[in-house]
C-alpha atoms as a PDB file:
ATOM      1  CA  UNK A   1       0.000   0.000   0.000  1.00  0.00           C
ATOM      2  CA  UNK A   2       1.472   3.327  -1.060  1.00  0.00           C
ATOM      3  CA  UNK A   3       0.804   6.434   1.013  1.00  0.00           C
ATOM      4  CA  UNK A   4       0.708   9.867  -0.593  1.00  0.00           C
ATOM      5  CA  UNK A   5       2.728  12.537   1.219  1.00  0.00           C
ATOM      6  CA  UNK A   6       0.834  15.393   2.842  1.00  0.00           C
ATOM      7  CA  UNK A   7       0.388  18.635   0.862  1.00  0.00           C
ATOM      8  CA  UNK A   8       3.000  20.358   3.040  1.00  0.00           C
ATOM      9  CA  UNK A   9       5.502  17.619   2.264  1.00  0.00           C
ATOM     10  CA  UNK A  10       4.723  17.945  -1.439  1.00  0.00           C
ATOM     11  CA  UNK A  11       5.230  21.718  -1.291  1.00  0.00           C
ATOM     12  CA  UNK A  12       8.579  21.276   0.430  1.00  0.00           C
ATOM     13  CA  UNK A  13       9.656  18.675  -2.137  1.00  0.00           C
ATOM     14  CA  UNK A  14       8.582  20.938  -5.017  1.00  0.00           C
ATOM     15  CA  UNK A  15      10.361  23.936  -3.462  1.00  0.00           C
ATOM     16  CA  UNK A  16      13.601  21.982  -2.987  1.00  0.00           C
ATOM     17  CA  UNK A  17      13.411  20.541  -6.501  1.00  0.00           C
ATOM     18  CA  UNK A  18      12.802  23.970  -7.982  1.00  0.00           C
ATOM     19  CA  UNK A  19      15.631  25.511  -5.983  1.00  0.00           C
ATOM     20  CA  UNK A  20      18.052  22.843  -7.205  1.00  0.00           C
ATOM     21  CA  UNK A  21      16.890  23.410 -10.793  1.00  0.00           C
ATOM     22  CA  UNK A  22      17.395  27.151 -10.359  1.00  0.00           C
ATOM     23  CA  UNK A  23      20.996  26.598  -9.305  1.00  0.00           C
ATOM     24  CA  UNK A  24      21.586  24.496 -12.401  1.00  0.00           C
ATOM     25  CA  UNK A  25      20.158  27.045 -14.851  1.00  0.00           C
ATOM     26  CA  UNK A  26      18.877  30.626 -15.223  1.00  0.00           C
ATOM     27  CA  UNK A  27      15.221  31.586 -14.335  1.00  0.00           C
ATOM     28  CA  UNK A  28      11.198  33.101 -15.623  1.00  0.00           C
ATOM     29  CA  UNK A  29       7.634  33.637 -14.480  1.00  0.00           C
ATOM     30  CA  UNK A  30      -0.803  30.956 -12.220  1.00  0.00           C
ATOM     31  CA  UNK A  31      -3.652  29.912 -10.188  1.00  0.00           C
ATOM     32  CA  UNK A  32      -7.203  30.784 -10.691  1.00  0.00           C
ATOM     33  CA  UNK A  33     -10.354  28.837 -10.327  1.00  0.00           C
ATOM     34  CA  UNK A  34     -10.529  25.810 -12.579  1.00  0.00           C
ATOM     35  CA  UNK A  35     -13.870  25.872 -14.284  1.00  0.00           C
ATOM     36  CA  UNK A  36     -15.758  22.800 -13.199  1.00  0.00           C
ATOM     37  CA  UNK A  37     -13.200  21.767 -10.590  1.00  0.00           C
ATOM     38  CA  UNK A  38     -15.908  21.698  -7.948  1.00  0.00           C
ATOM     39  CA  UNK A  39     -19.140  19.799  -8.358  1.00  0.00           C
ATOM     40  CA  UNK A  40     -22.578  20.640  -7.048  1.00  0.00           C
ATOM     41  CA  UNK A  41     -24.686  17.912  -5.559  1.00  0.00           C
ATOM     42  CA  UNK A  42     -28.480  17.687  -5.480  1.00  0.00           C
ATOM     43  CA  UNK A  43     -28.515  20.077  -2.521  1.00  0.00           C
ATOM     44  CA  UNK A  44     -26.729  22.724  -4.601  1.00  0.00           C
ATOM     45  CA  UNK A  45     -23.847  22.804  -2.138  1.00  0.00           C
ATOM     46  CA  UNK A  46     -20.326  22.776  -3.531  1.00  0.00           C
ATOM     47  CA  UNK A  47     -18.177  19.705  -2.980  1.00  0.00           C
ATOM     48  CA  UNK A  48     -14.419  20.096  -3.373  1.00  0.00           C
ATOM     49  CA  UNK A  49     -13.706  16.362  -3.448  1.00  0.00           C
ATOM     50  CA  UNK A  50     -13.420  16.220  -7.237  1.00  0.00           C
ATOM     51  CA  UNK A  51      -9.892  15.914  -8.599  1.00  0.00           C
ATOM     52  CA  UNK A  52      -8.882  18.333 -11.350  1.00  0.00           C
ATOM     53  CA  UNK A  53      -8.312  16.931 -14.816  1.00  0.00           C
ATOM     54  CA  UNK A  54      -5.090  17.425 -16.734  1.00  0.00           C
ATOM     55  CA  UNK A  55      -6.999  19.635 -19.189  1.00  0.00           C
ATOM     56  CA  UNK A  56      -8.189  21.852 -16.346  1.00  0.00           C
ATOM     57  CA  UNK A  57      -4.654  22.197 -14.995  1.00  0.00           C
ATOM     58  CA  UNK A  58      -3.408  23.085 -18.490  1.00  0.00           C
ATOM     59  CA  UNK A  59      -6.121  25.759 -18.617  1.00  0.00           C
ATOM     60  CA  UNK A  60      -4.536  27.520 -15.644  1.00  0.00           C
ATOM     61  CA  UNK A  61      -1.658  28.583 -17.903  1.00  0.00           C
ATOM     62  CA  UNK A  62      -4.131  30.117 -20.364  1.00  0.00           C
ATOM     63  CA  UNK A  63      -5.673  32.130 -17.538  1.00  0.00           C
ATOM     64  CA  UNK A  64      -2.220  33.218 -16.340  1.00  0.00           C
ATOM     65  CA  UNK A  65      -1.224  34.181 -19.894  1.00  0.00           C
ATOM     66  CA  UNK A  66      -4.473  36.175 -20.221  1.00  0.00           C
ATOM     67  CA  UNK A  67      -3.568  38.015 -16.999  1.00  0.00           C
ATOM     68  CA  UNK A  68      -0.226  38.928 -18.615  1.00  0.00           C
ATOM     69  CA  UNK A  69      -2.118  40.444 -21.545  1.00  0.00           C
ATOM     70  CA  UNK A  70      -3.861  42.900 -19.192  1.00  0.00           C
ATOM     71  CA  UNK A  71      -0.496  44.544 -18.516  1.00  0.00           C
ATOM     72  CA  UNK A  72      -1.432  44.713 -14.817  1.00  0.00           C
ATOM     73  CA  UNK A  73       1.250  43.202 -12.565  1.00  0.00           C
ATOM     74  CA  UNK A  74      -1.190  43.008  -9.646  1.00  0.00           C
ATOM     75  CA  UNK A  75      -3.653  40.893 -11.662  1.00  0.00           C
ATOM     76  CA  UNK A  76      -0.850  38.466 -12.463  1.00  0.00           C
ATOM     77  CA  UNK A  77       0.303  38.415  -8.825  1.00  0.00           C
ATOM     78  CA  UNK A  78      -3.275  37.621  -7.755  1.00  0.00           C
ATOM     79  CA  UNK A  79      -2.767  34.185  -9.321  1.00  0.00           C
ATOM     80  CA  UNK A  80      -0.008  33.357  -6.806  1.00  0.00           C
ATOM     81  CA  UNK A  81      -0.525  32.156  -3.234  1.00  0.00           C
ATOM     82  CA  UNK A  82       0.436  34.483  -0.398  1.00  0.00           C
ATOM     83  CA  UNK A  83       3.577  32.412   0.321  1.00  0.00           C
ATOM     84  CA  UNK A  84       4.384  31.521  -3.301  1.00  0.00           C
ATOM     85  CA  UNK A  85       7.932  31.285  -4.635  1.00  0.00           C
ATOM     86  CA  UNK A  86       8.741  32.674  -8.088  1.00  0.00           C
ATOM     87  CA  UNK A  87      12.074  31.887  -9.733  1.00  0.00           C
ATOM     88  CA  UNK A  88      11.779  34.047 -12.875  1.00  0.00           C
ATOM     89  CA  UNK A  89      13.751  33.725 -16.108  1.00  0.00           C
ATOM     90  CA  UNK A  90      14.702  37.349 -16.579  1.00  0.00           C
ATOM     91  CA  UNK A  91      15.655  38.201 -13.002  1.00  0.00           C
ATOM     92  CA  UNK A  92      18.364  36.900 -10.697  1.00  0.00           C
ATOM     93  CA  UNK A  93      16.188  37.437  -7.622  1.00  0.00           C
ATOM     94  CA  UNK A  94      14.075  34.753  -5.976  1.00  0.00           C
ATOM     95  CA  UNK A  95      10.633  36.287  -5.338  1.00  0.00           C
ATOM     96  CA  UNK A  96       8.998  35.089  -2.117  1.00  0.00           C
ATOM     97  CA  UNK A  97       6.214  37.570  -1.376  1.00  0.00           C
ATOM     98  CA  UNK A  98       3.518  39.511  -3.218  1.00  0.00           C
ATOM     99  CA  UNK A  99       5.487  42.786  -3.372  1.00  0.00           C
ATOM    100  CA  UNK A 100       8.477  41.028  -4.979  1.00  0.00           C
ATOM    101  CA  UNK A 101       6.239  39.164  -7.442  1.00  0.00           C
ATOM    102  CA  UNK A 102       4.443  42.401  -8.403  1.00  0.00           C
ATOM    103  CA  UNK A 103       7.818  44.107  -8.827  1.00  0.00           C
ATOM    104  CA  UNK A 104       9.011  41.373 -11.177  1.00  0.00           C
ATOM    105  CA  UNK A 105       5.903  41.526 -13.331  1.00  0.00           C
ATOM    106  CA  UNK A 106       5.925  45.335 -13.469  1.00  0.00           C
ATOM    107  CA  UNK A 107       9.246  45.037 -15.297  1.00  0.00           C
ATOM    108  CA  UNK A 108       8.484  41.879 -17.285  1.00  0.00           C
ATOM    109  CA  UNK A 109       5.142  43.206 -18.577  1.00  0.00           C
ATOM    110  CA  UNK A 110       6.870  46.222 -20.144  1.00  0.00           C
ATOM    111  CA  UNK A 111       8.002  43.776 -22.858  1.00  0.00           C
ATOM    112  CA  UNK A 112       4.399  42.775 -23.712  1.00  0.00           C
ATOM    113  CA  UNK A 113       4.986  39.024 -23.243  1.00  0.00           C
ATOM    114  CA  UNK A 114       2.769  36.522 -25.014  1.00  0.00           C
ATOM    115  CA  UNK A 115       3.325  32.946 -23.884  1.00  0.00           C
ATOM    116  CA  UNK A 116       2.874  29.755 -25.875  1.00  0.00           C
ATOM    117  CA  UNK A 117       3.347  26.279 -24.472  1.00  0.00           C
ATOM    118  CA  UNK A 118       5.515  23.985 -26.566  1.00  0.00           C
ATOM    119  CA  UNK A 119       5.377  20.881 -24.373  1.00  0.00           C
ATOM    120  CA  UNK A 120       3.551  20.086 -21.120  1.00  0.00           C
ATOM    121  CA  UNK A 121       3.559  17.258 -18.613  1.00  0.00           C
ATOM    122  CA  UNK A 122       0.834  17.493 -15.960  1.00  0.00           C
ATOM    123  CA  UNK A 123       0.813  15.500 -12.735  1.00  0.00           C
ATOM    124  CA  UNK A 124      -2.380  15.778 -10.702  1.00  0.00           C
ATOM    125  CA  UNK A 125      -1.052  14.780  -7.283  1.00  0.00           C
ATOM    126  CA  UNK A 126      -4.353  14.775  -5.413  1.00  0.00           C
ATOM    127  CA  UNK A 127      -7.574  16.795  -5.323  1.00  0.00           C
ATOM    128  CA  UNK A 128      -5.718  19.823  -3.946  1.00  0.00           C
ATOM    129  CA  UNK A 129      -2.380  19.870  -5.757  1.00  0.00           C
ATOM    130  CA  UNK A 130      -0.992  19.559  -9.256  1.00  0.00           C
ATOM    131  CA  UNK A 131       2.251  20.227 -11.103  1.00  0.00           C
ATOM    132  CA  UNK A 132       2.579  21.401 -14.714  1.00  0.00           C
ATOM    133  CA  UNK A 133       6.083  21.118 -16.165  1.00  0.00           C
ATOM    134  CA  UNK A 134       7.380  21.641 -19.680  1.00  0.00           C
ATOM    135  CA  UNK A 135       8.654  24.136 -22.221  1.00  0.00           C
ATOM    136  CA  UNK A 136       7.140  27.454 -23.238  1.00  0.00           C
ATOM    137  CA  UNK A 137       8.079  30.407 -25.417  1.00  0.00           C
ATOM    138  CA  UNK A 138       7.486  34.086 -24.920  1.00  0.00           C
ATOM    139  CA  UNK A 139       7.222  36.566 -27.749  1.00  0.00           C
ATOM    140  CA  UNK A 140       8.588  39.833 -26.379  1.00  0.00           C
ATOM    141  CA  UNK A 141       8.653  43.400 -27.672  1.00  0.00           C
ATOM    142  CA  UNK A 142      11.404  45.604 -26.261  1.00  0.00           C
ATOM    143  CA  UNK A 143       9.662  48.551 -24.605  1.00  0.00           C
ATOM    144  CA  UNK A 144      12.430  50.974 -25.642  1.00  0.00           C
ATOM    145  CA  UNK A 145      13.279  49.900 -29.200  1.00  0.00           C
ATOM    146  CA  UNK A 146      10.243  47.919 -30.322  1.00  0.00           C
ATOM    147  CA  UNK A 147      12.551  45.046 -31.328  1.00  0.00           C
ATOM    148  CA  UNK A 148      10.855  41.626 -31.270  1.00  0.00           C
ATOM    149  CA  UNK A 149      12.433  38.547 -29.703  1.00  0.00           C
ATOM    150  CA  UNK A 150      11.468  35.102 -28.486  1.00  0.00           C
ATOM    151  CA  UNK A 151      12.619  33.480 -25.254  1.00  0.00           C
ATOM    152  CA  UNK A 152      12.271  29.704 -24.937  1.00  0.00           C
ATOM    153  CA  UNK A 153      12.291  28.389 -21.380  1.00  0.00           C
ATOM    154  CA  UNK A 154      11.626  25.350 -19.216  1.00  0.00           C
ATOM    155  CA  UNK A 155       8.948  25.834 -16.581  1.00  0.00           C
ATOM    156  CA  UNK A 156       7.353  24.283 -13.530  1.00  0.00           C
ATOM    157  CA  UNK A 157       4.108  25.487 -11.983  1.00  0.00           C
ATOM    158  CA  UNK A 158       3.018  23.906  -8.707  1.00  0.00           C
ATOM    159  CA  UNK A 159      -0.632  24.624  -7.884  1.00  0.00           C
ATOM    160  CA  UNK A 160      -2.658  24.222  -4.719  1.00  0.00           C
ATOM    161  CA  UNK A 161      -6.397  24.393  -4.444  1.00  0.00           C
ATOM    162  CA  UNK A 162      -7.411  26.898  -1.794  1.00  0.00           C
ATOM    163  CA  UNK A 163     -10.303  26.315   0.667  1.00  0.00           C
ATOM    164  CA  UNK A 164     -12.506  28.587  -1.497  1.00  0.00           C
ATOM    165  CA  UNK A 165     -11.909  26.331  -4.541  1.00  0.00           C
ATOM    166  CA  UNK A 166      -9.475  28.693  -6.292  1.00  0.00           C
ATOM    167  CA  UNK A 167      -6.269  27.198  -7.652  1.00  0.00           C
ATOM    168  CA  UNK A 168      -3.184  29.322  -6.972  1.00  0.00           C
ATOM    169  CA  UNK A 169       0.453  29.017  -7.934  1.00  0.00           C
ATOM    170  CA  UNK A 170       2.567  28.075  -4.919  1.00  0.00           C
ATOM    171  CA  UNK A 171       5.813  27.624  -6.835  1.00  0.00           C
ATOM    172  CA  UNK A 172       6.777  28.849 -10.317  1.00  0.00           C
ATOM    173  CA  UNK A 173      10.185  28.203 -11.772  1.00  0.00           C
ATOM    174  CA  UNK A 174      11.305  29.122 -15.256  1.00  0.00           C
ATOM    175  CA  UNK A 175      14.751  28.868 -16.809  1.00  0.00           C
ATOM    176  CA  UNK A 176      15.947  29.927 -20.204  1.00  0.00           C
ATOM    177  CA  UNK A 177      16.934  26.935 -22.331  1.00  0.00           C
ATOM    178  CA  UNK A 178      20.705  26.381 -21.986  1.00  0.00           C
ATOM    179  CA  UNK A 179      21.303  25.962 -25.721  1.00  0.00           C
ATOM    180  CA  UNK A 180      20.018  29.465 -26.404  1.00  0.00           C
END
């Protein structure tokens, strides 16, 4: 019989794994409600026992990417848990609180990023946690020159479902691909 580790243990394991990955490479920058993640019974009351699907977890990136398109760093930061860790691609600083995450996105959003996933691997750990790992690209426009560029990076998003049913990012790591 295999026991699943507690959510806290999973968060610690994800944080350590992400930190090790950050040391090995550079770094880059989700959680919102998953539509249909909760189910309503005959009484109309919400039940949070339903496990998210891989498709629903993948949809969290689309919602995060849409928040980027608003150009509002606070809207993007709203998708992160209060104690989230962000290891961003285009900053050397580990971001561990809302103010630091907002600060990162205020600068990053100046380049009008548009993200596209290239490859994704989703692991739904339990009804309250999931990890999305893979490769994405960002089309960027330099805010000073207007020059266009693309950054390809590896990413990991660790999500936790909050008591209100909202999925938030608890750990986000992104590193520019080593081969350029």
